[in-house]
N, C-alpha and C. Protein backbone atom coordinates (compact mmCIF):
# COMPACT_ATOMS: atom_id res chain seq x y z
N MET A 1 36.04 29.32 20.49
CA MET A 1 34.98 28.92 21.42
C MET A 1 35.09 29.76 22.70
N ASN A 2 33.99 30.41 23.07
CA ASN A 2 34.03 31.28 24.25
C ASN A 2 33.88 30.48 25.54
N LEU A 3 34.01 31.18 26.68
CA LEU A 3 34.02 30.53 27.98
C LEU A 3 32.73 29.76 28.30
N PRO A 4 31.54 30.35 28.10
CA PRO A 4 30.31 29.60 28.38
C PRO A 4 30.21 28.29 27.59
N ASN A 5 30.63 28.33 26.33
CA ASN A 5 30.58 27.11 25.51
C ASN A 5 31.58 26.07 26.00
N LYS A 6 32.72 26.53 26.47
CA LYS A 6 33.72 25.60 27.03
C LYS A 6 33.18 24.93 28.29
N ILE A 7 32.45 25.71 29.09
CA ILE A 7 31.85 25.15 30.31
C ILE A 7 30.79 24.11 29.95
N SER A 8 29.96 24.42 28.95
CA SER A 8 28.93 23.46 28.50
C SER A 8 29.57 22.18 27.99
N LEU A 9 30.66 22.33 27.24
CA LEU A 9 31.36 21.17 26.70
C LEU A 9 31.99 20.35 27.83
N THR A 10 32.48 21.04 28.85
CA THR A 10 33.04 20.35 30.02
C THR A 10 31.96 19.52 30.71
N ARG A 11 30.74 20.08 30.80
CA ARG A 11 29.63 19.36 31.42
C ARG A 11 29.34 18.07 30.65
N ILE A 12 29.37 18.15 29.34
CA ILE A 12 29.14 16.96 28.51
C ILE A 12 30.23 15.92 28.77
N CYS A 13 31.47 16.37 28.88
CA CYS A 13 32.60 15.46 29.12
C CYS A 13 32.54 14.82 30.50
N MET A 14 31.88 15.49 31.45
CA MET A 14 31.77 14.95 32.80
C MET A 14 30.76 13.80 32.89
N ILE A 15 29.87 13.72 31.92
CA ILE A 15 28.82 12.69 31.96
C ILE A 15 29.41 11.28 31.93
N PRO A 16 30.31 10.93 30.98
CA PRO A 16 30.87 9.57 31.02
C PRO A 16 31.68 9.29 32.28
N VAL A 17 32.33 10.32 32.85
CA VAL A 17 33.08 10.13 34.10
C VAL A 17 32.10 9.81 35.23
N PHE A 18 30.99 10.53 35.26
CA PHE A 18 29.93 10.30 36.25
C PHE A 18 29.41 8.87 36.15
N VAL A 19 29.15 8.41 34.92
CA VAL A 19 28.63 7.05 34.70
C VAL A 19 29.65 6.00 35.11
N LEU A 20 30.91 6.22 34.76
CA LEU A 20 31.97 5.27 35.09
C LEU A 20 32.10 5.10 36.60
N ILE A 21 32.20 6.20 37.32
CA ILE A 21 32.33 6.14 38.77
C ILE A 21 31.09 5.48 39.39
N PHE A 22 29.93 5.79 38.86
CA PHE A 22 28.67 5.23 39.36
C PHE A 22 28.70 3.70 39.34
N PHE A 23 29.26 3.13 38.27
CA PHE A 23 29.25 1.67 38.11
C PHE A 23 30.45 0.97 38.75
N LEU A 24 31.33 1.72 39.39
CA LEU A 24 32.50 1.09 40.04
C LEU A 24 32.20 0.73 41.49
N HIS A 25 30.99 0.25 41.74
CA HIS A 25 30.59 -0.16 43.09
C HIS A 25 31.40 -1.37 43.51
N GLY A 26 32.02 -1.29 44.67
CA GLY A 26 32.85 -2.40 45.14
C GLY A 26 34.28 -2.28 44.69
N VAL A 27 34.53 -1.37 43.76
CA VAL A 27 35.90 -1.15 43.27
C VAL A 27 36.44 0.15 43.84
N VAL A 28 35.64 1.21 43.73
CA VAL A 28 36.00 2.52 44.28
C VAL A 28 35.19 2.75 45.55
N PRO A 29 35.84 2.98 46.69
CA PRO A 29 35.10 3.24 47.94
C PRO A 29 34.19 4.46 47.79
N PHE A 30 32.99 4.35 48.32
CA PHE A 30 32.03 5.45 48.28
C PHE A 30 31.82 5.98 46.85
N ASN A 31 31.72 5.05 45.90
CA ASN A 31 31.58 5.47 44.50
C ASN A 31 30.29 6.26 44.26
N PHE A 32 29.21 5.90 44.98
CA PHE A 32 27.96 6.63 44.78
C PHE A 32 28.08 8.07 45.29
N GLY A 33 28.76 8.23 46.41
CA GLY A 33 28.98 9.57 46.94
C GLY A 33 29.82 10.42 45.99
N ILE A 34 30.85 9.82 45.43
CA ILE A 34 31.71 10.53 44.47
C ILE A 34 30.92 10.85 43.21
N ALA A 35 30.13 9.89 42.74
CA ALA A 35 29.31 10.11 41.54
C ALA A 35 28.31 11.24 41.79
N ALA A 36 27.74 11.27 42.98
CA ALA A 36 26.78 12.32 43.33
C ALA A 36 27.44 13.69 43.29
N ILE A 37 28.68 13.78 43.78
CA ILE A 37 29.41 15.05 43.78
C ILE A 37 29.73 15.47 42.35
N ILE A 38 30.15 14.52 41.52
CA ILE A 38 30.43 14.83 40.12
C ILE A 38 29.16 15.34 39.43
N PHE A 39 28.03 14.69 39.71
CA PHE A 39 26.76 15.13 39.14
C PHE A 39 26.44 16.55 39.60
N ALA A 40 26.62 16.83 40.89
CA ALA A 40 26.32 18.15 41.44
C ALA A 40 27.17 19.23 40.79
N VAL A 41 28.46 18.96 40.62
CA VAL A 41 29.37 19.92 39.99
C VAL A 41 28.94 20.17 38.55
N ALA A 42 28.62 19.09 37.84
CA ALA A 42 28.17 19.22 36.44
C ALA A 42 26.88 20.02 36.36
N ALA A 43 25.95 19.74 37.27
CA ALA A 43 24.67 20.45 37.27
C ALA A 43 24.87 21.93 37.55
N CYS A 44 25.80 22.26 38.44
CA CYS A 44 26.06 23.67 38.77
C CYS A 44 26.61 24.43 37.57
N THR A 45 27.36 23.76 36.71
CA THR A 45 27.91 24.44 35.53
C THR A 45 26.79 24.88 34.60
N ASP A 46 25.62 24.25 34.69
CA ASP A 46 24.48 24.66 33.86
C ASP A 46 24.05 26.09 34.20
N PHE A 47 24.08 26.42 35.48
CA PHE A 47 23.71 27.77 35.91
C PHE A 47 24.85 28.76 35.62
N ILE A 48 26.07 28.28 35.75
CA ILE A 48 27.23 29.16 35.57
C ILE A 48 27.38 29.61 34.13
N ASP A 49 27.33 28.65 33.18
CA ASP A 49 27.56 29.03 31.78
C ASP A 49 26.46 29.96 31.26
N GLY A 50 25.21 29.70 31.70
CA GLY A 50 24.11 30.56 31.27
C GLY A 50 24.25 31.97 31.80
N HIS A 51 24.65 32.09 33.07
CA HIS A 51 24.84 33.41 33.69
C HIS A 51 25.94 34.19 32.99
N ILE A 52 27.06 33.53 32.73
CA ILE A 52 28.19 34.19 32.07
C ILE A 52 27.80 34.63 30.66
N ALA A 53 27.12 33.75 29.94
CA ALA A 53 26.74 34.07 28.56
C ALA A 53 25.82 35.29 28.50
N ARG A 54 24.84 35.34 29.42
CA ARG A 54 23.89 36.46 29.41
C ARG A 54 24.52 37.75 29.92
N SER A 55 25.28 37.66 31.00
CA SER A 55 25.85 38.87 31.61
C SER A 55 26.95 39.50 30.77
N ARG A 56 27.66 38.69 30.00
CA ARG A 56 28.77 39.22 29.20
C ARG A 56 28.43 39.33 27.72
N GLY A 57 27.18 39.05 27.38
CA GLY A 57 26.78 39.15 25.97
C GLY A 57 27.48 38.12 25.11
N LEU A 58 27.66 36.91 25.63
CA LEU A 58 28.37 35.85 24.91
C LEU A 58 27.44 34.74 24.42
N VAL A 59 26.17 35.08 24.23
CA VAL A 59 25.20 34.10 23.73
C VAL A 59 25.49 33.81 22.26
N THR A 60 25.69 32.54 21.92
CA THR A 60 25.97 32.14 20.54
C THR A 60 25.05 30.99 20.14
N ASN A 61 24.98 30.73 18.84
CA ASN A 61 24.17 29.61 18.34
C ASN A 61 24.72 28.29 18.86
N LEU A 62 26.05 28.19 18.93
CA LEU A 62 26.66 26.96 19.47
C LEU A 62 26.25 26.77 20.91
N GLY A 63 26.24 27.86 21.67
CA GLY A 63 25.84 27.79 23.07
C GLY A 63 24.38 27.40 23.22
N LYS A 64 23.53 27.92 22.35
CA LYS A 64 22.11 27.59 22.39
C LYS A 64 21.89 26.11 22.10
N PHE A 65 22.83 25.52 21.36
CA PHE A 65 22.74 24.09 21.06
C PHE A 65 23.34 23.25 22.19
N LEU A 66 24.54 23.62 22.64
CA LEU A 66 25.27 22.82 23.62
C LEU A 66 24.61 22.82 25.00
N ASP A 67 24.18 24.00 25.46
CA ASP A 67 23.68 24.13 26.83
C ASP A 67 22.48 23.22 27.13
N PRO A 68 21.39 23.30 26.34
CA PRO A 68 20.25 22.42 26.65
C PRO A 68 20.55 20.95 26.43
N ILE A 69 21.38 20.64 25.45
CA ILE A 69 21.75 19.24 25.20
C ILE A 69 22.51 18.68 26.39
N ALA A 70 23.49 19.45 26.88
CA ALA A 70 24.30 19.00 28.01
C ALA A 70 23.43 18.79 29.24
N ASP A 71 22.52 19.71 29.48
CA ASP A 71 21.64 19.63 30.65
C ASP A 71 20.73 18.42 30.57
N LYS A 72 20.07 18.25 29.44
CA LYS A 72 19.10 17.16 29.29
C LYS A 72 19.76 15.79 29.31
N VAL A 73 20.92 15.67 28.67
CA VAL A 73 21.62 14.37 28.65
C VAL A 73 22.11 14.01 30.05
N LEU A 74 22.61 15.01 30.80
CA LEU A 74 23.08 14.77 32.16
C LEU A 74 21.94 14.27 33.04
N VAL A 75 20.82 14.98 33.03
CA VAL A 75 19.69 14.63 33.89
C VAL A 75 19.06 13.30 33.46
N ALA A 76 18.88 13.11 32.16
CA ALA A 76 18.29 11.86 31.67
C ALA A 76 19.17 10.66 32.03
N THR A 77 20.48 10.82 31.88
CA THR A 77 21.41 9.74 32.22
C THR A 77 21.30 9.40 33.71
N ALA A 78 21.29 10.43 34.55
CA ALA A 78 21.23 10.21 36.00
C ALA A 78 19.93 9.52 36.39
N MET A 79 18.81 9.92 35.78
CA MET A 79 17.52 9.31 36.11
C MET A 79 17.47 7.84 35.69
N ILE A 80 18.03 7.54 34.56
CA ILE A 80 18.07 6.15 34.11
C ILE A 80 18.94 5.32 35.05
N LEU A 81 20.04 5.90 35.49
CA LEU A 81 20.94 5.20 36.43
C LEU A 81 20.24 4.93 37.76
N LEU A 82 19.35 5.82 38.17
CA LEU A 82 18.61 5.62 39.42
C LEU A 82 17.85 4.29 39.39
N LEU A 83 17.37 3.92 38.21
CA LEU A 83 16.58 2.69 38.09
C LEU A 83 17.43 1.43 38.21
N THR A 84 18.75 1.58 38.24
CA THR A 84 19.63 0.41 38.43
C THR A 84 19.98 0.22 39.91
N MET A 85 19.43 1.09 40.78
CA MET A 85 19.83 1.10 42.19
C MET A 85 18.82 0.39 43.10
N GLN A 86 18.27 -0.72 42.63
CA GLN A 86 17.25 -1.42 43.43
C GLN A 86 17.79 -1.89 44.77
N GLU A 87 19.01 -2.41 44.79
CA GLU A 87 19.56 -2.93 46.04
C GLU A 87 20.25 -1.84 46.86
N SER A 88 20.94 -0.92 46.20
CA SER A 88 21.71 0.08 46.92
C SER A 88 20.88 1.25 47.42
N LEU A 89 19.79 1.58 46.72
CA LEU A 89 18.95 2.71 47.11
C LEU A 89 17.55 2.30 47.52
N PHE A 90 16.83 1.65 46.62
CA PHE A 90 15.41 1.38 46.87
C PHE A 90 15.17 0.40 48.01
N ALA A 91 16.16 -0.43 48.31
CA ALA A 91 16.02 -1.34 49.44
C ALA A 91 15.90 -0.59 50.76
N LYS A 92 16.35 0.67 50.77
CA LYS A 92 16.28 1.48 51.99
C LYS A 92 14.85 1.87 52.34
N PHE A 93 13.91 1.66 51.42
CA PHE A 93 12.52 2.03 51.68
C PHE A 93 11.72 0.88 52.29
N GLY A 94 12.41 -0.21 52.61
CA GLY A 94 11.77 -1.31 53.32
C GLY A 94 10.63 -1.95 52.54
N ASN A 95 9.49 -2.15 53.21
CA ASN A 95 8.34 -2.81 52.59
C ASN A 95 7.75 -2.01 51.43
N ALA A 96 8.06 -0.72 51.39
CA ALA A 96 7.51 0.14 50.32
C ALA A 96 8.45 0.21 49.11
N SER A 97 9.56 -0.52 49.16
CA SER A 97 10.58 -0.40 48.13
C SER A 97 10.06 -0.68 46.72
N GLU A 98 9.28 -1.75 46.56
CA GLU A 98 8.79 -2.10 45.23
C GLU A 98 7.83 -1.05 44.69
N ALA A 99 6.92 -0.58 45.54
CA ALA A 99 5.95 0.43 45.12
C ALA A 99 6.66 1.74 44.75
N ILE A 100 7.66 2.12 45.54
CA ILE A 100 8.39 3.35 45.28
C ILE A 100 9.22 3.21 44.01
N TYR A 101 9.78 2.04 43.79
CA TYR A 101 10.56 1.81 42.56
C TYR A 101 9.67 1.99 41.34
N ILE A 102 8.48 1.38 41.36
CA ILE A 102 7.55 1.49 40.24
C ILE A 102 7.11 2.95 40.03
N ALA A 103 6.79 3.62 41.13
CA ALA A 103 6.37 5.03 41.06
C ALA A 103 7.49 5.90 40.49
N THR A 104 8.73 5.60 40.89
CA THR A 104 9.88 6.35 40.39
C THR A 104 10.07 6.12 38.90
N ALA A 105 9.92 4.88 38.46
CA ALA A 105 10.06 4.55 37.04
C ALA A 105 9.01 5.29 36.21
N VAL A 106 7.77 5.31 36.72
CA VAL A 106 6.70 6.02 36.01
C VAL A 106 7.01 7.52 35.96
N ALA A 107 7.46 8.07 37.09
CA ALA A 107 7.79 9.49 37.15
C ALA A 107 8.90 9.85 36.16
N ILE A 108 9.91 8.98 36.07
CA ILE A 108 11.01 9.23 35.14
C ILE A 108 10.51 9.21 33.70
N CYS A 109 9.62 8.29 33.38
CA CYS A 109 9.04 8.25 32.04
C CYS A 109 8.28 9.53 31.73
N VAL A 110 7.53 10.01 32.72
CA VAL A 110 6.75 11.26 32.55
C VAL A 110 7.69 12.44 32.35
N ILE A 111 8.74 12.52 33.15
CA ILE A 111 9.70 13.62 33.05
C ILE A 111 10.40 13.63 31.70
N LEU A 112 10.86 12.46 31.25
CA LEU A 112 11.55 12.38 29.97
C LEU A 112 10.60 12.69 28.81
N ALA A 113 9.35 12.24 28.93
CA ALA A 113 8.35 12.54 27.91
C ALA A 113 8.11 14.03 27.82
N ARG A 114 8.03 14.69 28.98
CA ARG A 114 7.82 16.15 29.01
C ARG A 114 8.95 16.86 28.29
N GLU A 115 10.18 16.43 28.54
CA GLU A 115 11.32 17.08 27.91
C GLU A 115 11.29 16.91 26.40
N LEU A 116 10.91 15.72 25.92
CA LEU A 116 10.82 15.49 24.48
C LEU A 116 9.72 16.34 23.85
N ILE A 117 8.58 16.43 24.53
CA ILE A 117 7.45 17.21 24.02
C ILE A 117 7.81 18.69 23.93
N ILE A 118 8.41 19.23 24.99
CA ILE A 118 8.77 20.65 24.99
C ILE A 118 9.87 20.94 23.98
N SER A 119 10.79 20.01 23.80
CA SER A 119 11.85 20.20 22.80
C SER A 119 11.24 20.29 21.40
N ALA A 120 10.28 19.41 21.12
CA ALA A 120 9.60 19.44 19.82
C ALA A 120 8.80 20.74 19.67
N PHE A 121 8.18 21.16 20.77
CA PHE A 121 7.39 22.39 20.77
C PHE A 121 8.28 23.60 20.44
N ARG A 122 9.47 23.62 21.02
CA ARG A 122 10.41 24.72 20.76
C ARG A 122 10.90 24.71 19.32
N GLN A 123 11.06 23.51 18.75
CA GLN A 123 11.49 23.41 17.36
C GLN A 123 10.44 24.01 16.43
N ILE A 124 9.17 23.71 16.71
CA ILE A 124 8.08 24.25 15.90
C ILE A 124 8.06 25.78 16.03
N ALA A 125 8.24 26.26 17.26
CA ALA A 125 8.25 27.71 17.49
C ALA A 125 9.39 28.38 16.74
N ALA A 126 10.57 27.78 16.82
CA ALA A 126 11.74 28.35 16.14
C ALA A 126 11.53 28.39 14.63
N ALA A 127 10.92 27.32 14.09
CA ALA A 127 10.66 27.27 12.65
C ALA A 127 9.70 28.36 12.20
N ASN A 128 8.84 28.80 13.11
CA ASN A 128 7.87 29.86 12.81
C ASN A 128 8.34 31.24 13.28
N GLY A 129 9.58 31.30 13.74
CA GLY A 129 10.14 32.58 14.16
C GLY A 129 9.59 33.11 15.47
N VAL A 130 9.05 32.22 16.29
CA VAL A 130 8.48 32.61 17.58
C VAL A 130 9.52 32.43 18.67
N VAL A 131 9.77 33.49 19.43
CA VAL A 131 10.73 33.43 20.54
C VAL A 131 9.96 33.19 21.83
N MET A 132 10.27 32.11 22.54
CA MET A 132 9.58 31.78 23.78
C MET A 132 10.54 31.98 24.96
N ALA A 133 10.16 32.87 25.85
CA ALA A 133 11.00 33.16 27.01
C ALA A 133 10.96 32.02 28.01
N ALA A 134 12.10 31.80 28.66
CA ALA A 134 12.17 30.76 29.69
C ALA A 134 11.34 31.19 30.90
N GLU A 135 10.65 30.23 31.50
CA GLU A 135 9.81 30.53 32.66
C GLU A 135 10.56 30.23 33.95
N ARG A 136 10.23 30.98 34.99
CA ARG A 136 10.84 30.75 36.30
C ARG A 136 10.47 29.37 36.82
N LEU A 137 9.26 28.92 36.50
CA LEU A 137 8.80 27.60 36.94
C LEU A 137 9.71 26.51 36.40
N GLY A 138 10.19 26.69 35.17
CA GLY A 138 11.10 25.73 34.57
C GLY A 138 12.43 25.67 35.31
N LYS A 139 12.87 26.81 35.82
CA LYS A 139 14.12 26.85 36.58
C LYS A 139 13.94 26.13 37.92
N TYR A 140 12.76 26.29 38.51
CA TYR A 140 12.48 25.60 39.77
C TYR A 140 12.50 24.09 39.57
N LYS A 141 11.88 23.62 38.50
CA LYS A 141 11.82 22.16 38.27
C LYS A 141 13.22 21.61 38.02
N THR A 142 14.05 22.38 37.31
CA THR A 142 15.42 21.93 37.07
C THR A 142 16.20 21.83 38.38
N THR A 143 16.03 22.83 39.23
CA THR A 143 16.73 22.83 40.52
C THR A 143 16.30 21.65 41.38
N PHE A 144 14.98 21.40 41.46
CA PHE A 144 14.49 20.28 42.26
C PHE A 144 14.94 18.94 41.68
N GLN A 145 14.96 18.82 40.36
CA GLN A 145 15.44 17.59 39.73
C GLN A 145 16.89 17.33 40.12
N ASP A 146 17.73 18.35 39.97
CA ASP A 146 19.16 18.19 40.25
C ASP A 146 19.41 17.85 41.72
N VAL A 147 18.74 18.56 42.63
CA VAL A 147 18.95 18.32 44.05
C VAL A 147 18.44 16.93 44.45
N ALA A 148 17.27 16.54 43.91
CA ALA A 148 16.70 15.22 44.22
C ALA A 148 17.62 14.10 43.76
N ILE A 149 18.14 14.22 42.55
CA ILE A 149 19.04 13.19 42.02
C ILE A 149 20.30 13.09 42.88
N PHE A 150 20.86 14.25 43.21
CA PHE A 150 22.07 14.27 44.06
C PHE A 150 21.82 13.58 45.39
N VAL A 151 20.72 13.91 46.04
CA VAL A 151 20.41 13.34 47.36
C VAL A 151 20.16 11.84 47.27
N LEU A 152 19.45 11.40 46.25
CA LEU A 152 19.13 9.98 46.10
C LEU A 152 20.38 9.14 45.85
N ILE A 153 21.25 9.62 44.98
CA ILE A 153 22.48 8.86 44.70
C ILE A 153 23.37 8.85 45.95
N LEU A 154 23.46 9.99 46.61
CA LEU A 154 24.27 10.09 47.82
C LEU A 154 23.75 9.16 48.91
N ALA A 155 22.43 9.01 49.01
CA ALA A 155 21.82 8.18 50.05
C ALA A 155 22.29 6.74 49.99
N ALA A 156 22.63 6.27 48.79
CA ALA A 156 23.06 4.88 48.63
C ALA A 156 24.34 4.57 49.39
N ASP A 157 25.16 5.60 49.64
CA ASP A 157 26.42 5.39 50.35
C ASP A 157 26.35 5.77 51.82
N ILE A 158 25.17 6.14 52.29
CA ILE A 158 25.01 6.49 53.69
C ILE A 158 24.39 5.29 54.42
N PRO A 159 25.05 4.73 55.41
CA PRO A 159 24.59 3.49 56.04
C PRO A 159 23.42 3.67 57.01
N GLU A 160 22.75 2.55 57.23
CA GLU A 160 21.74 2.39 58.28
C GLU A 160 20.64 3.45 58.24
N ALA A 161 20.20 3.87 59.44
CA ALA A 161 19.03 4.75 59.56
C ALA A 161 19.24 6.09 58.88
N ALA A 162 20.45 6.63 58.94
CA ALA A 162 20.73 7.92 58.31
C ALA A 162 20.51 7.84 56.81
N GLY A 163 20.94 6.73 56.22
CA GLY A 163 20.75 6.54 54.79
C GLY A 163 19.28 6.45 54.41
N GLU A 164 18.51 5.81 55.27
CA GLU A 164 17.06 5.70 55.01
C GLU A 164 16.39 7.07 55.06
N ILE A 165 16.79 7.88 56.02
CA ILE A 165 16.21 9.23 56.14
C ILE A 165 16.55 10.07 54.90
N VAL A 166 17.82 10.02 54.51
CA VAL A 166 18.26 10.79 53.34
C VAL A 166 17.53 10.30 52.08
N ALA A 167 17.32 8.99 51.98
CA ALA A 167 16.62 8.43 50.82
C ALA A 167 15.18 8.93 50.76
N TRP A 168 14.50 8.96 51.91
CA TRP A 168 13.13 9.46 51.95
C TRP A 168 13.07 10.95 51.60
N VAL A 169 14.05 11.71 52.09
CA VAL A 169 14.11 13.14 51.74
C VAL A 169 14.30 13.30 50.24
N GLY A 170 15.21 12.52 49.69
CA GLY A 170 15.46 12.58 48.25
C GLY A 170 14.23 12.22 47.44
N MET A 171 13.49 11.21 47.90
CA MET A 171 12.29 10.80 47.18
C MET A 171 11.20 11.88 47.28
N GLY A 172 11.13 12.55 48.43
CA GLY A 172 10.19 13.65 48.56
C GLY A 172 10.51 14.77 47.59
N LEU A 173 11.80 15.10 47.47
CA LEU A 173 12.24 16.13 46.53
C LEU A 173 11.96 15.71 45.09
N PHE A 174 12.13 14.41 44.82
CA PHE A 174 11.88 13.90 43.48
C PHE A 174 10.39 14.00 43.13
N ALA A 175 9.53 13.75 44.11
CA ALA A 175 8.09 13.88 43.89
C ALA A 175 7.73 15.32 43.55
N ILE A 176 8.32 16.27 44.29
CA ILE A 176 8.08 17.69 44.01
C ILE A 176 8.59 18.04 42.62
N ALA A 177 9.77 17.52 42.27
CA ALA A 177 10.35 17.77 40.95
C ALA A 177 9.44 17.26 39.84
N THR A 178 8.82 16.11 40.07
CA THR A 178 7.91 15.53 39.07
C THR A 178 6.69 16.42 38.86
N VAL A 179 6.11 16.89 39.96
CA VAL A 179 4.95 17.78 39.88
C VAL A 179 5.32 19.07 39.16
N LEU A 180 6.45 19.65 39.51
CA LEU A 180 6.90 20.88 38.87
C LEU A 180 7.18 20.68 37.39
N THR A 181 7.71 19.50 37.05
CA THR A 181 8.01 19.19 35.65
C THR A 181 6.74 19.16 34.81
N VAL A 182 5.72 18.47 35.32
CA VAL A 182 4.44 18.38 34.60
C VAL A 182 3.78 19.76 34.54
N TRP A 183 3.77 20.44 35.67
CA TRP A 183 3.14 21.77 35.76
C TRP A 183 3.80 22.75 34.80
N SER A 184 5.13 22.79 34.79
CA SER A 184 5.84 23.73 33.93
C SER A 184 5.62 23.39 32.45
N GLY A 185 5.53 22.10 32.14
CA GLY A 185 5.30 21.69 30.76
C GLY A 185 3.94 22.14 30.26
N ILE A 186 2.93 21.91 31.07
CA ILE A 186 1.57 22.33 30.71
C ILE A 186 1.50 23.85 30.58
N SER A 187 2.10 24.56 31.54
CA SER A 187 2.11 26.02 31.53
C SER A 187 2.80 26.56 30.28
N TYR A 188 3.89 25.93 29.91
CA TYR A 188 4.67 26.35 28.75
C TYR A 188 3.85 26.26 27.47
N VAL A 189 3.14 25.15 27.33
CA VAL A 189 2.34 24.94 26.12
C VAL A 189 1.14 25.87 26.10
N VAL A 190 0.46 25.99 27.24
CA VAL A 190 -0.73 26.84 27.31
C VAL A 190 -0.40 28.30 27.00
N LYS A 191 0.70 28.80 27.57
CA LYS A 191 1.07 30.20 27.37
C LYS A 191 1.57 30.48 25.96
N ASN A 192 1.97 29.43 25.26
CA ASN A 192 2.48 29.62 23.90
C ASN A 192 1.67 28.81 22.88
N LYS A 193 0.40 28.62 23.17
CA LYS A 193 -0.44 27.78 22.31
C LYS A 193 -0.56 28.29 20.88
N GLN A 194 -0.27 29.59 20.66
CA GLN A 194 -0.34 30.14 19.32
C GLN A 194 0.64 29.47 18.37
N VAL A 195 1.68 28.85 18.96
CA VAL A 195 2.68 28.15 18.15
C VAL A 195 2.05 27.02 17.34
N LEU A 196 1.01 26.40 17.92
CA LEU A 196 0.39 25.24 17.28
C LEU A 196 -0.71 25.63 16.28
N LYS A 197 -1.00 26.92 16.18
CA LYS A 197 -2.02 27.36 15.24
C LYS A 197 -1.46 27.46 13.84
N ASP A 198 -2.23 27.04 12.86
CA ASP A 198 -1.80 27.15 11.46
C ASP A 198 -1.79 28.62 11.05
N GLN A 199 -0.73 28.99 10.35
CA GLN A 199 -0.62 30.39 9.91
C GLN A 199 -1.49 30.63 8.67
């Protein structure tokens, strides 16, 4: 197993640690802050393993399998965990907390649906021997997703007014991430619509 694949596997192994620390509220001091840092480190490995694999010619079939799986499972897990933070995070939005919680839940459903649709789209393309290049827009949406999740989880451990400000910033980043996710998904399908044509 080469270095990029080891890094991808490490990212997968960090997911249960991230979840465990996340749920140790009241047991581990600043558990949300620690969980946010673990998430950030794991997310950064997504960029590192891809860069190493491409720059050193270490792209393998195992890597093509592990890398997207590790990335999607990490982000999906973190987004689902966000929905358990009604008191620790969403309460910071005051009177708008319920509306923002609902909007966040809808956004998460849209984001996860996009990932499933594009994954199926890529499978169809691969079955037909069509190679689809990654788009820069997709990289932007991944970056905004990761940063938004990090900021939102971190906000839960920041007290008083500062925590509220950080939470609003995180929610703004999450809104941008949602728009980019939908936009990149539509762009991806439109630019590769030939995949859906019968041969």
